[in-house]
Amino acid sequence: MPPVITAQDIPSHGQLEVATGTIVTPAARDLARARGVSILERPASQLRPPANPARTVALGADHGGYPLKELLKPVLTELGYLILDVGAHSTQPVDYPDLAEQVALALCHGHAALGVMIDGAGIGSAMAANKLPGIRASLCYDRASARNAREHNAANVLTLGSRLLTPSQAEEVLRTWLATPYAGGRHQSRIDKITALEKKY
């Protein structure tokens, strides 16, 4: 199912670029007209990257993770991150591998430095995202796992399970994950081996 743009996705001014085939609800189109916002359709490969990819988080969710995705957006904004929301844009059923791929592709294309993907358990999204080159997706469920994923494993995609965490727990994991730097040092040779495995197979 293609992405869906609803009224809440319409900015207050300017323009909104969407991938070709995106569904824009009538209410969203009405609000865009009222605000003078132009909606431009482009092939996904031609969408302009954010102004500051180093401070951009690619954010995605399936239908089960959509409510939590929306709750975590203000947290990312508060922390000074730009958000590249790849969908889903509603609770209509979608398949998590498709959204996990879009999050991972944003990193592969240099449009974002980090990614966050949410589904019911977070497990499948980690599996899907990790199929793409250069992605180290980690399912995290508490502060300890969030710290370890970043400090030891240089994780660049966080996956969360919306059915396994309360919103406050998910926020705590997200804040910890983003605040933890990669330690490097003795861990780098292990990251290099992960990369070598990726290239080997």
N, C-alpha and C. Protein backbone atom coordinates (compact mmCIF):
# COMPACT_ATOMS: atom_id res chain seq x y z
N MET A 1 0.85 -1.19 0.00
CA MET A 1 0.00 0.00 0.00
C MET A 1 0.89 1.25 0.00
N PRO A 2 0.58 2.23 -0.85
CA PRO A 2 1.40 3.45 -0.89
C PRO A 2 1.23 4.28 0.37
N PRO A 3 2.19 5.18 0.64
CA PRO A 3 2.07 6.08 1.79
C PRO A 3 0.82 6.94 1.68
N VAL A 4 0.31 7.38 2.82
CA VAL A 4 -0.88 8.22 2.88
C VAL A 4 -0.54 9.51 3.61
N ILE A 5 -0.86 10.65 3.00
CA ILE A 5 -0.67 11.96 3.63
C ILE A 5 -2.02 12.44 4.14
N THR A 6 -2.09 12.74 5.44
CA THR A 6 -3.32 13.25 6.02
C THR A 6 -3.13 14.72 6.39
N ALA A 7 -4.17 15.34 6.88
CA ALA A 7 -4.12 16.77 7.20
C ALA A 7 -3.00 17.09 8.20
N GLN A 8 -2.72 16.18 9.13
CA GLN A 8 -1.70 16.47 10.14
C GLN A 8 -0.29 16.51 9.55
N ASP A 9 -0.13 16.02 8.33
CA ASP A 9 1.19 16.03 7.69
C ASP A 9 1.45 17.30 6.88
N ILE A 10 0.45 18.17 6.76
CA ILE A 10 0.59 19.38 5.95
C ILE A 10 1.31 20.46 6.75
N PRO A 11 2.42 20.98 6.22
CA PRO A 11 3.13 22.04 6.95
C PRO A 11 2.35 23.34 6.96
N SER A 12 2.81 24.30 7.74
CA SER A 12 2.09 25.56 7.88
C SER A 12 2.29 26.47 6.67
N HIS A 13 3.33 26.22 5.89
CA HIS A 13 3.59 27.06 4.71
C HIS A 13 4.57 26.33 3.79
N GLY A 14 4.83 26.92 2.64
CA GLY A 14 5.85 26.37 1.73
C GLY A 14 5.31 25.27 0.85
N GLN A 15 6.09 24.20 0.74
CA GLN A 15 5.67 23.10 -0.11
C GLN A 15 5.98 21.77 0.55
N LEU A 16 5.30 20.73 0.06
CA LEU A 16 5.47 19.38 0.59
C LEU A 16 5.80 18.46 -0.57
N GLU A 17 6.99 17.85 -0.52
CA GLU A 17 7.37 16.89 -1.54
C GLU A 17 6.96 15.50 -1.08
N VAL A 18 6.30 14.77 -1.99
CA VAL A 18 5.88 13.40 -1.67
C VAL A 18 6.30 12.49 -2.82
N ALA A 19 6.49 11.22 -2.49
CA ALA A 19 6.86 10.24 -3.51
C ALA A 19 5.68 10.01 -4.44
N THR A 20 5.99 9.79 -5.72
CA THR A 20 4.95 9.50 -6.71
C THR A 20 4.11 8.32 -6.24
N GLY A 21 2.80 8.45 -6.35
CA GLY A 21 1.90 7.39 -5.93
C GLY A 21 1.37 7.55 -4.53
N THR A 22 1.90 8.53 -3.79
CA THR A 22 1.42 8.77 -2.43
C THR A 22 -0.05 9.20 -2.46
N ILE A 23 -0.83 8.66 -1.56
CA ILE A 23 -2.23 9.04 -1.44
C ILE A 23 -2.33 10.28 -0.55
N VAL A 24 -2.95 11.33 -1.06
CA VAL A 24 -3.19 12.55 -0.29
C VAL A 24 -4.69 12.64 -0.05
N THR A 25 -5.10 12.61 1.21
CA THR A 25 -6.52 12.61 1.52
C THR A 25 -7.16 13.94 1.11
N PRO A 26 -8.45 13.93 0.84
CA PRO A 26 -9.14 15.19 0.49
C PRO A 26 -8.96 16.27 1.56
N ALA A 27 -9.03 15.87 2.83
CA ALA A 27 -8.86 16.86 3.91
C ALA A 27 -7.46 17.46 3.86
N ALA A 28 -6.46 16.65 3.54
CA ALA A 28 -5.10 17.16 3.44
C ALA A 28 -4.97 18.14 2.28
N ARG A 29 -5.59 17.82 1.15
CA ARG A 29 -5.54 18.73 0.00
C ARG A 29 -6.26 20.05 0.30
N ASP A 30 -7.38 19.97 1.00
CA ASP A 30 -8.11 21.19 1.36
C ASP A 30 -7.27 22.07 2.28
N LEU A 31 -6.63 21.45 3.27
CA LEU A 31 -5.81 22.22 4.19
C LEU A 31 -4.60 22.82 3.48
N ALA A 32 -4.01 22.05 2.56
CA ALA A 32 -2.87 22.57 1.81
C ALA A 32 -3.28 23.81 1.00
N ARG A 33 -4.44 23.74 0.38
CA ARG A 33 -4.93 24.91 -0.39
C ARG A 33 -5.15 26.10 0.53
N ALA A 34 -5.74 25.85 1.69
CA ALA A 34 -6.02 26.93 2.63
C ALA A 34 -4.73 27.58 3.13
N ARG A 35 -3.68 26.80 3.27
CA ARG A 35 -2.40 27.33 3.78
C ARG A 35 -1.47 27.79 2.66
N GLY A 36 -1.90 27.58 1.43
CA GLY A 36 -1.04 27.96 0.31
C GLY A 36 0.15 27.03 0.14
N VAL A 37 0.01 25.79 0.59
CA VAL A 37 1.09 24.80 0.48
C VAL A 37 0.93 24.02 -0.82
N SER A 38 1.98 23.99 -1.62
CA SER A 38 1.94 23.21 -2.86
C SER A 38 2.45 21.81 -2.58
N ILE A 39 1.77 20.82 -3.15
CA ILE A 39 2.16 19.42 -2.98
C ILE A 39 2.81 18.96 -4.28
N LEU A 40 4.08 18.61 -4.20
CA LEU A 40 4.85 18.21 -5.37
C LEU A 40 5.12 16.72 -5.32
N GLU A 41 4.75 16.02 -6.41
CA GLU A 41 5.04 14.60 -6.49
C GLU A 41 6.32 14.38 -7.28
N ARG A 42 7.21 13.56 -6.72
CA ARG A 42 8.45 13.20 -7.39
C ARG A 42 8.71 11.72 -7.18
N PRO A 43 9.46 11.08 -8.08
CA PRO A 43 9.90 9.70 -7.79
C PRO A 43 10.68 9.69 -6.48
N ALA A 44 10.52 8.63 -5.70
CA ALA A 44 11.17 8.57 -4.39
C ALA A 44 12.67 8.82 -4.48
N SER A 45 13.28 8.35 -5.58
CA SER A 45 14.72 8.51 -5.73
C SER A 45 15.13 9.96 -5.96
N GLN A 46 14.15 10.82 -6.32
CA GLN A 46 14.46 12.21 -6.62
C GLN A 46 14.07 13.17 -5.50
N LEU A 47 13.54 12.66 -4.41
CA LEU A 47 13.17 13.53 -3.31
C LEU A 47 14.43 14.17 -2.74
N ARG A 48 14.35 15.45 -2.47
CA ARG A 48 15.52 16.16 -1.97
C ARG A 48 15.85 15.71 -0.55
N PRO A 49 17.13 15.51 -0.25
CA PRO A 49 17.50 15.17 1.12
C PRO A 49 17.29 16.35 2.05
N PRO A 50 17.15 16.11 3.34
CA PRO A 50 17.01 17.21 4.29
C PRO A 50 18.22 18.13 4.26
N ALA A 51 18.04 19.34 4.75
CA ALA A 51 19.10 20.34 4.71
C ALA A 51 20.32 19.92 5.52
N ASN A 52 20.14 19.16 6.59
CA ASN A 52 21.24 18.78 7.46
C ASN A 52 21.14 17.28 7.78
N PRO A 53 21.60 16.42 6.86
CA PRO A 53 21.47 14.98 7.08
C PRO A 53 22.11 14.50 8.37
N ALA A 54 23.18 15.15 8.82
CA ALA A 54 23.87 14.70 10.04
C ALA A 54 22.98 14.84 11.28
N ARG A 55 21.99 15.72 11.23
CA ARG A 55 21.07 15.90 12.35
C ARG A 55 19.67 15.41 12.01
N THR A 56 19.59 14.52 11.01
CA THR A 56 18.29 14.02 10.58
C THR A 56 18.10 12.57 10.98
N VAL A 57 16.92 12.26 11.49
CA VAL A 57 16.54 10.89 11.83
C VAL A 57 15.45 10.45 10.87
N ALA A 58 15.70 9.35 10.16
CA ALA A 58 14.66 8.73 9.34
C ALA A 58 13.74 7.96 10.27
N LEU A 59 12.48 8.28 10.23
CA LEU A 59 11.51 7.73 11.19
C LEU A 59 10.43 6.97 10.44
N GLY A 60 10.23 5.71 10.80
CA GLY A 60 9.22 4.91 10.13
C GLY A 60 8.48 4.01 11.10
N ALA A 61 7.34 3.52 10.65
CA ALA A 61 6.53 2.61 11.46
C ALA A 61 5.54 1.89 10.57
N ASP A 62 5.15 0.70 10.98
CA ASP A 62 4.01 0.08 10.33
C ASP A 62 2.74 0.58 11.02
N HIS A 63 1.59 0.00 10.67
CA HIS A 63 0.33 0.48 11.23
C HIS A 63 0.28 0.32 12.75
N GLY A 64 0.89 -0.76 13.26
CA GLY A 64 0.89 -0.96 14.70
C GLY A 64 1.79 0.02 15.44
N GLY A 65 2.85 0.47 14.76
CA GLY A 65 3.77 1.41 15.37
C GLY A 65 3.45 2.86 15.12
N TYR A 66 2.47 3.11 14.24
CA TYR A 66 2.15 4.49 13.85
C TYR A 66 1.83 5.40 15.05
N PRO A 67 0.95 4.99 15.99
CA PRO A 67 0.65 5.91 17.11
C PRO A 67 1.90 6.26 17.92
N LEU A 68 2.78 5.29 18.16
CA LEU A 68 4.00 5.57 18.92
C LEU A 68 4.93 6.47 18.11
N LYS A 69 5.00 6.27 16.82
CA LYS A 69 5.82 7.14 15.97
C LYS A 69 5.40 8.59 16.14
N GLU A 70 4.11 8.83 16.12
CA GLU A 70 3.62 10.20 16.25
C GLU A 70 3.93 10.78 17.63
N LEU A 71 3.89 9.93 18.66
CA LEU A 71 4.19 10.40 20.01
C LEU A 71 5.68 10.74 20.18
N LEU A 72 6.54 10.07 19.43
CA LEU A 72 7.98 10.29 19.58
C LEU A 72 8.50 11.44 18.73
N LYS A 73 7.71 11.92 17.79
CA LYS A 73 8.15 13.04 16.95
C LYS A 73 8.52 14.27 17.78
N PRO A 74 7.70 14.70 18.73
CA PRO A 74 8.07 15.88 19.52
C PRO A 74 9.35 15.68 20.32
N VAL A 75 9.65 14.44 20.71
CA VAL A 75 10.88 14.17 21.45
C VAL A 75 12.08 14.43 20.55
N LEU A 76 12.01 13.95 19.32
CA LEU A 76 13.11 14.18 18.37
C LEU A 76 13.29 15.67 18.09
N THR A 77 12.18 16.37 17.92
CA THR A 77 12.25 17.81 17.67
C THR A 77 12.86 18.54 18.86
N GLU A 78 12.43 18.15 20.06
CA GLU A 78 12.97 18.77 21.28
C GLU A 78 14.47 18.59 21.37
N LEU A 79 14.96 17.44 20.91
CA LEU A 79 16.39 17.13 20.98
C LEU A 79 17.18 17.74 19.82
N GLY A 80 16.49 18.48 18.97
CA GLY A 80 17.17 19.20 17.91
C GLY A 80 17.37 18.43 16.63
N TYR A 81 16.63 17.34 16.44
CA TYR A 81 16.76 16.55 15.22
C TYR A 81 15.71 16.95 14.19
N LEU A 82 16.10 16.90 12.94
CA LEU A 82 15.14 16.99 11.83
C LEU A 82 14.57 15.60 11.63
N ILE A 83 13.34 15.52 11.18
CA ILE A 83 12.66 14.23 11.01
C ILE A 83 12.35 14.00 9.55
N LEU A 84 12.78 12.86 9.04
CA LEU A 84 12.40 12.41 7.70
C LEU A 84 11.41 11.27 7.90
N ASP A 85 10.13 11.58 7.85
CA ASP A 85 9.08 10.61 8.13
C ASP A 85 8.77 9.84 6.84
N VAL A 86 9.13 8.55 6.82
CA VAL A 86 8.93 7.74 5.62
C VAL A 86 7.61 6.99 5.65
N GLY A 87 6.78 7.20 6.68
CA GLY A 87 5.50 6.49 6.79
C GLY A 87 5.62 5.40 7.87
N ALA A 88 4.55 4.73 8.14
CA ALA A 88 3.22 4.93 7.61
C ALA A 88 2.59 6.21 8.17
N HIS A 89 1.55 6.67 7.47
CA HIS A 89 0.90 7.91 7.87
C HIS A 89 -0.51 7.68 8.41
N SER A 90 -0.81 6.43 8.74
CA SER A 90 -2.11 6.12 9.32
C SER A 90 -2.02 4.72 9.93
N THR A 91 -3.15 4.26 10.49
CA THR A 91 -3.19 2.91 11.06
C THR A 91 -3.72 1.89 10.06
N GLN A 92 -3.81 2.26 8.79
CA GLN A 92 -4.20 1.29 7.78
C GLN A 92 -3.08 0.27 7.61
N PRO A 93 -3.41 -1.02 7.50
CA PRO A 93 -2.38 -2.07 7.48
C PRO A 93 -1.34 -1.90 6.37
N VAL A 94 -0.08 -2.02 6.76
CA VAL A 94 1.06 -2.02 5.84
C VAL A 94 2.04 -3.08 6.34
N ASP A 95 3.02 -3.40 5.53
CA ASP A 95 3.99 -4.43 5.89
C ASP A 95 5.28 -3.80 6.40
N TYR A 96 5.69 -4.20 7.59
CA TYR A 96 6.87 -3.57 8.21
C TYR A 96 8.15 -3.67 7.38
N PRO A 97 8.38 -4.75 6.59
CA PRO A 97 9.64 -4.75 5.81
C PRO A 97 9.73 -3.58 4.83
N ASP A 98 8.59 -3.15 4.29
CA ASP A 98 8.60 -2.04 3.34
C ASP A 98 9.03 -0.74 4.01
N LEU A 99 8.55 -0.50 5.22
CA LEU A 99 8.90 0.73 5.92
C LEU A 99 10.32 0.66 6.47
N ALA A 100 10.72 -0.53 6.95
CA ALA A 100 12.09 -0.69 7.43
C ALA A 100 13.08 -0.45 6.29
N GLU A 101 12.72 -0.89 5.10
CA GLU A 101 13.58 -0.64 3.93
C GLU A 101 13.71 0.85 3.67
N GLN A 102 12.61 1.59 3.77
CA GLN A 102 12.67 3.03 3.51
C GLN A 102 13.53 3.76 4.55
N VAL A 103 13.43 3.35 5.81
CA VAL A 103 14.29 3.94 6.84
C VAL A 103 15.75 3.66 6.51
N ALA A 104 16.06 2.41 6.20
CA ALA A 104 17.44 2.04 5.90
C ALA A 104 17.96 2.74 4.66
N LEU A 105 17.12 2.85 3.63
CA LEU A 105 17.54 3.53 2.40
C LEU A 105 17.88 4.99 2.64
N ALA A 106 17.16 5.62 3.55
CA ALA A 106 17.47 7.02 3.86
C ALA A 106 18.90 7.16 4.35
N LEU A 107 19.36 6.18 5.13
CA LEU A 107 20.74 6.21 5.59
C LEU A 107 21.70 5.87 4.46
N CYS A 108 21.35 4.85 3.68
CA CYS A 108 22.21 4.44 2.57
C CYS A 108 22.42 5.56 1.56
N HIS A 109 21.40 6.37 1.35
CA HIS A 109 21.47 7.47 0.37
C HIS A 109 22.02 8.76 0.97
N GLY A 110 22.34 8.73 2.27
CA GLY A 110 22.90 9.91 2.89
C GLY A 110 21.90 10.98 3.26
N HIS A 111 20.62 10.62 3.30
CA HIS A 111 19.58 11.58 3.65
C HIS A 111 19.38 11.71 5.16
N ALA A 112 19.89 10.75 5.90
CA ALA A 112 19.78 10.76 7.37
C ALA A 112 20.98 10.04 7.94
N ALA A 113 21.36 10.42 9.15
CA ALA A 113 22.49 9.77 9.82
C ALA A 113 22.03 8.61 10.68
N LEU A 114 20.79 8.69 11.18
CA LEU A 114 20.25 7.68 12.07
C LEU A 114 18.83 7.35 11.65
N GLY A 115 18.36 6.17 12.09
CA GLY A 115 17.00 5.77 11.78
C GLY A 115 16.30 5.19 12.99
N VAL A 116 14.99 5.33 13.03
CA VAL A 116 14.16 4.71 14.06
C VAL A 116 12.98 4.07 13.36
N MET A 117 12.75 2.79 13.63
CA MET A 117 11.67 2.05 13.01
C MET A 117 10.87 1.33 14.08
N ILE A 118 9.54 1.44 14.00
CA ILE A 118 8.65 0.90 15.03
C ILE A 118 7.64 -0.05 14.42
N ASP A 119 7.57 -1.25 14.95
CA ASP A 119 6.47 -2.15 14.62
C ASP A 119 5.96 -2.77 15.93
N GLY A 120 5.19 -3.82 15.84
CA GLY A 120 4.60 -4.37 17.06
C GLY A 120 5.62 -4.88 18.05
N ALA A 121 6.63 -5.62 17.56
CA ALA A 121 7.65 -6.19 18.45
C ALA A 121 9.03 -5.61 18.19
N GLY A 122 9.26 -5.02 17.03
CA GLY A 122 10.56 -4.46 16.69
C GLY A 122 11.54 -5.46 16.13
N ILE A 123 11.21 -6.73 16.20
CA ILE A 123 12.13 -7.79 15.78
C ILE A 123 12.22 -7.86 14.25
N GLY A 124 11.08 -7.96 13.60
CA GLY A 124 11.08 -8.09 12.15
C GLY A 124 11.68 -6.89 11.45
N SER A 125 11.45 -5.71 11.99
CA SER A 125 12.01 -4.50 11.38
C SER A 125 13.54 -4.50 11.46
N ALA A 126 14.08 -4.99 12.57
CA ALA A 126 15.53 -5.09 12.69
C ALA A 126 16.08 -6.06 11.67
N MET A 127 15.40 -7.19 11.51
CA MET A 127 15.84 -8.18 10.52
C MET A 127 15.84 -7.59 9.11
N ALA A 128 14.75 -6.88 8.78
CA ALA A 128 14.63 -6.32 7.43
C ALA A 128 15.67 -5.23 7.19
N ALA A 129 15.80 -4.31 8.12
CA ALA A 129 16.74 -3.19 7.94
C ALA A 129 18.17 -3.69 7.81
N ASN A 130 18.51 -4.74 8.54
CA ASN A 130 19.87 -5.24 8.52
C ASN A 130 20.26 -5.94 7.22
N LYS A 131 19.32 -6.12 6.32
CA LYS A 131 19.64 -6.69 5.01
C LYS A 131 20.30 -5.68 4.10
N LEU A 132 20.19 -4.39 4.43
CA LEU A 132 20.77 -3.36 3.57
C LEU A 132 22.21 -3.06 4.00
N PRO A 133 23.07 -2.75 3.03
CA PRO A 133 24.48 -2.53 3.35
C PRO A 133 24.70 -1.33 4.26
N GLY A 134 25.57 -1.52 5.23
CA GLY A 134 25.94 -0.43 6.12
C GLY A 134 24.99 -0.20 7.28
N ILE A 135 23.92 -0.98 7.33
CA ILE A 135 22.93 -0.79 8.40
C ILE A 135 23.24 -1.73 9.56
N ARG A 136 23.23 -1.16 10.75
CA ARG A 136 23.37 -1.92 11.99
C ARG A 136 22.16 -1.58 12.86
N ALA A 137 21.08 -2.31 12.61
CA ALA A 137 19.82 -2.06 13.32
C ALA A 137 19.78 -2.88 14.59
N SER A 138 19.32 -2.25 15.65
CA SER A 138 19.28 -2.92 16.95
C SER A 138 17.90 -2.75 17.58
N LEU A 139 17.34 -3.87 17.99
CA LEU A 139 16.12 -3.83 18.80
C LEU A 139 16.53 -3.53 20.23
N CYS A 140 16.00 -2.45 20.78
CA CYS A 140 16.32 -2.07 22.17
C CYS A 140 15.03 -2.00 22.98
N TYR A 141 15.14 -2.40 24.24
CA TYR A 141 13.95 -2.52 25.09
C TYR A 141 14.13 -1.89 26.47
N ASP A 142 15.35 -1.37 26.75
CA ASP A 142 15.57 -0.66 28.01
C ASP A 142 16.82 0.20 27.85
N ARG A 143 17.19 0.94 28.88
CA ARG A 143 18.35 1.84 28.77
C ARG A 143 19.64 1.07 28.55
N ALA A 144 19.78 -0.08 29.20
CA ALA A 144 21.02 -0.84 29.06
C ALA A 144 21.23 -1.33 27.64
N SER A 145 20.17 -1.86 27.02
CA SER A 145 20.31 -2.33 25.64
C SER A 145 20.53 -1.16 24.69
N ALA A 146 19.92 -0.03 24.97
CA ALA A 146 20.11 1.16 24.13
C ALA A 146 21.55 1.65 24.20
N ARG A 147 22.09 1.71 25.41
CA ARG A 147 23.49 2.15 25.57
C ARG A 147 24.45 1.18 24.88
N ASN A 148 24.23 -0.11 25.09
CA ASN A 148 25.14 -1.11 24.51
C ASN A 148 25.11 -1.06 22.98
N ALA A 149 23.92 -0.92 22.42
CA ALA A 149 23.79 -0.91 20.96
C ALA A 149 24.59 0.20 20.33
N ARG A 150 24.60 1.36 20.97
CA ARG A 150 25.33 2.50 20.42
C ARG A 150 26.81 2.47 20.81
N GLU A 151 27.08 2.25 22.09
CA GLU A 151 28.46 2.34 22.58
C GLU A 151 29.34 1.24 22.02
N HIS A 152 28.83 0.00 21.98
CA HIS A 152 29.64 -1.14 21.55
C HIS A 152 29.45 -1.48 20.08
N ASN A 153 28.23 -1.32 19.56
CA ASN A 153 27.91 -1.83 18.24
C ASN A 153 27.72 -0.76 17.17
N ALA A 154 27.85 0.50 17.54
CA ALA A 154 27.69 1.62 16.59
C ALA A 154 26.39 1.49 15.81
N ALA A 155 25.32 1.11 16.50
CA ALA A 155 24.02 0.96 15.84
C ALA A 155 23.60 2.28 15.22
N ASN A 156 23.09 2.21 13.99
CA ASN A 156 22.60 3.43 13.33
C ASN A 156 21.10 3.40 13.08
N VAL A 157 20.45 2.29 13.39
CA VAL A 157 18.99 2.21 13.34
C VAL A 157 18.50 1.58 14.64
N LEU A 158 17.54 2.23 15.26
CA LEU A 158 16.90 1.72 16.46
C LEU A 158 15.53 1.16 16.08
N THR A 159 15.24 -0.06 16.51
CA THR A 159 13.89 -0.57 16.32
C THR A 159 13.22 -0.74 17.67
N LEU A 160 11.94 -0.42 17.70
CA LEU A 160 11.15 -0.46 18.93
C LEU A 160 9.89 -1.28 18.72
N GLY A 161 9.46 -1.97 19.77
CA GLY A 161 8.23 -2.74 19.73
C GLY A 161 7.11 -1.99 20.44
N SER A 162 6.14 -1.55 19.66
CA SER A 162 5.07 -0.73 20.25
C SER A 162 4.17 -1.53 21.18
N ARG A 163 4.14 -2.86 21.02
CA ARG A 163 3.32 -3.69 21.91
C ARG A 163 4.08 -4.12 23.15
N LEU A 164 5.39 -3.87 23.17
CA LEU A 164 6.22 -4.33 24.27
C LEU A 164 6.65 -3.21 25.20
N LEU A 165 6.50 -1.96 24.76
CA LEU A 165 6.94 -0.81 25.55
C LEU A 165 5.79 0.17 25.72
N THR A 166 5.71 0.78 26.88
CA THR A 166 4.79 1.90 27.05
C THR A 166 5.40 3.11 26.34
N PRO A 167 4.61 4.13 26.05
CA PRO A 167 5.19 5.33 25.43
C PRO A 167 6.33 5.93 26.25
N SER A 168 6.21 5.95 27.58
CA SER A 168 7.28 6.52 28.40
C SER A 168 8.53 5.65 28.34
N GLN A 169 8.37 4.34 28.31
CA GLN A 169 9.53 3.45 28.19
C GLN A 169 10.21 3.64 26.84
N ALA A 170 9.40 3.74 25.78
CA ALA A 170 9.97 3.94 24.44
C ALA A 170 10.73 5.25 24.37
N GLU A 171 10.18 6.30 24.98
CA GLU A 171 10.88 7.60 24.99
C GLU A 171 12.21 7.48 25.74
N GLU A 172 12.21 6.78 26.85
CA GLU A 172 13.44 6.60 27.63
C GLU A 172 14.50 5.87 26.81
N VAL A 173 14.09 4.82 26.09
CA VAL A 173 15.02 4.09 25.23
C VAL A 173 15.55 4.99 24.13
N LEU A 174 14.66 5.74 23.49
CA LEU A 174 15.06 6.63 22.40
C LEU A 174 16.05 7.68 22.88
N ARG A 175 15.75 8.33 23.99
CA ARG A 175 16.64 9.37 24.52
C ARG A 175 18.01 8.79 24.86
N THR A 176 18.02 7.62 25.48
CA THR A 176 19.29 6.99 25.85
C THR A 176 20.09 6.62 24.61
N TRP A 177 19.42 6.03 23.63
CA TRP A 177 20.07 5.61 22.39
C TRP A 177 20.71 6.80 21.67
N LEU A 178 19.97 7.89 21.58
CA LEU A 178 20.49 9.07 20.88
C LEU A 178 21.62 9.75 21.66
N ALA A 179 21.57 9.67 22.98
CA ALA A 179 22.56 10.37 23.80
C ALA A 179 23.87 9.60 23.96
N THR A 180 23.88 8.33 23.57
CA THR A 180 25.06 7.49 23.78
C THR A 180 25.96 7.50 22.56
N PRO A 181 27.20 7.95 22.70
CA PRO A 181 28.12 7.94 21.57
C PRO A 181 28.77 6.56 21.39
N TYR A 182 29.23 6.31 20.19
CA TYR A 182 29.99 5.09 19.92
C TYR A 182 31.36 5.22 20.58
N ALA A 183 31.79 4.18 21.29
CA ALA A 183 33.03 4.25 22.05
C ALA A 183 34.27 4.04 21.21
N GLY A 184 34.13 3.36 20.06
CA GLY A 184 35.30 3.08 19.23
C GLY A 184 36.28 2.17 19.94
N GLY A 185 37.59 2.43 19.78
CA GLY A 185 38.60 1.64 20.46
C GLY A 185 38.50 0.17 20.14
N ARG A 186 38.46 -0.65 21.19
CA ARG A 186 38.46 -2.10 21.01
C ARG A 186 37.24 -2.61 20.24
N HIS A 187 36.18 -1.79 20.20
CA HIS A 187 34.96 -2.22 19.52
C HIS A 187 35.09 -2.11 17.99
N GLN A 188 36.00 -1.25 17.51
CA GLN A 188 36.06 -0.99 16.08
C GLN A 188 36.44 -2.23 15.28
N SER A 189 37.34 -3.04 15.80
CA SER A 189 37.73 -4.24 15.04
C SER A 189 36.54 -5.18 14.86
N ARG A 190 35.63 -5.18 15.83
CA ARG A 190 34.44 -6.04 15.72
C ARG A 190 33.46 -5.47 14.71
N ILE A 191 33.32 -4.15 14.69
CA ILE A 191 32.47 -3.52 13.68
C ILE A 191 33.05 -3.80 12.29
N ASP A 192 34.38 -3.73 12.18
CA ASP A 192 35.03 -4.02 10.90
C ASP A 192 34.72 -5.45 10.45
N LYS A 193 34.66 -6.38 11.40
CA LYS A 193 34.34 -7.76 11.04
C LYS A 193 32.89 -7.91 10.59
N ILE A 194 32.00 -7.14 11.19
CA ILE A 194 30.60 -7.15 10.72
C ILE A 194 30.54 -6.66 9.29
N THR A 195 31.25 -5.58 9.01
CA THR A 195 31.28 -5.03 7.66
C THR A 195 31.90 -6.02 6.68
N ALA A 196 32.93 -6.72 7.12
CA ALA A 196 33.58 -7.71 6.26
C ALA A 196 32.63 -8.86 5.93
N LEU A 197 31.85 -9.29 6.92
CA LEU A 197 30.85 -10.34 6.67
C LEU A 197 29.83 -9.89 5.65
N GLU A 198 29.41 -8.65 5.77
CA GLU A 198 28.44 -8.07 4.84
C GLU A 198 28.99 -8.12 3.40
N LYS A 199 30.24 -7.74 3.24
CA LYS A 199 30.86 -7.73 1.91
C LYS A 199 31.12 -9.14 1.40
N LYS A 200 31.45 -10.06 2.31
CA LYS A 200 31.80 -11.43 1.93
C LYS A 200 30.60 -12.17 1.35
N TYR A 201 29.43 -11.94 1.95
CA TYR A 201 28.27 -12.70 1.53
C TYR A 201 27.26 -11.88 0.74
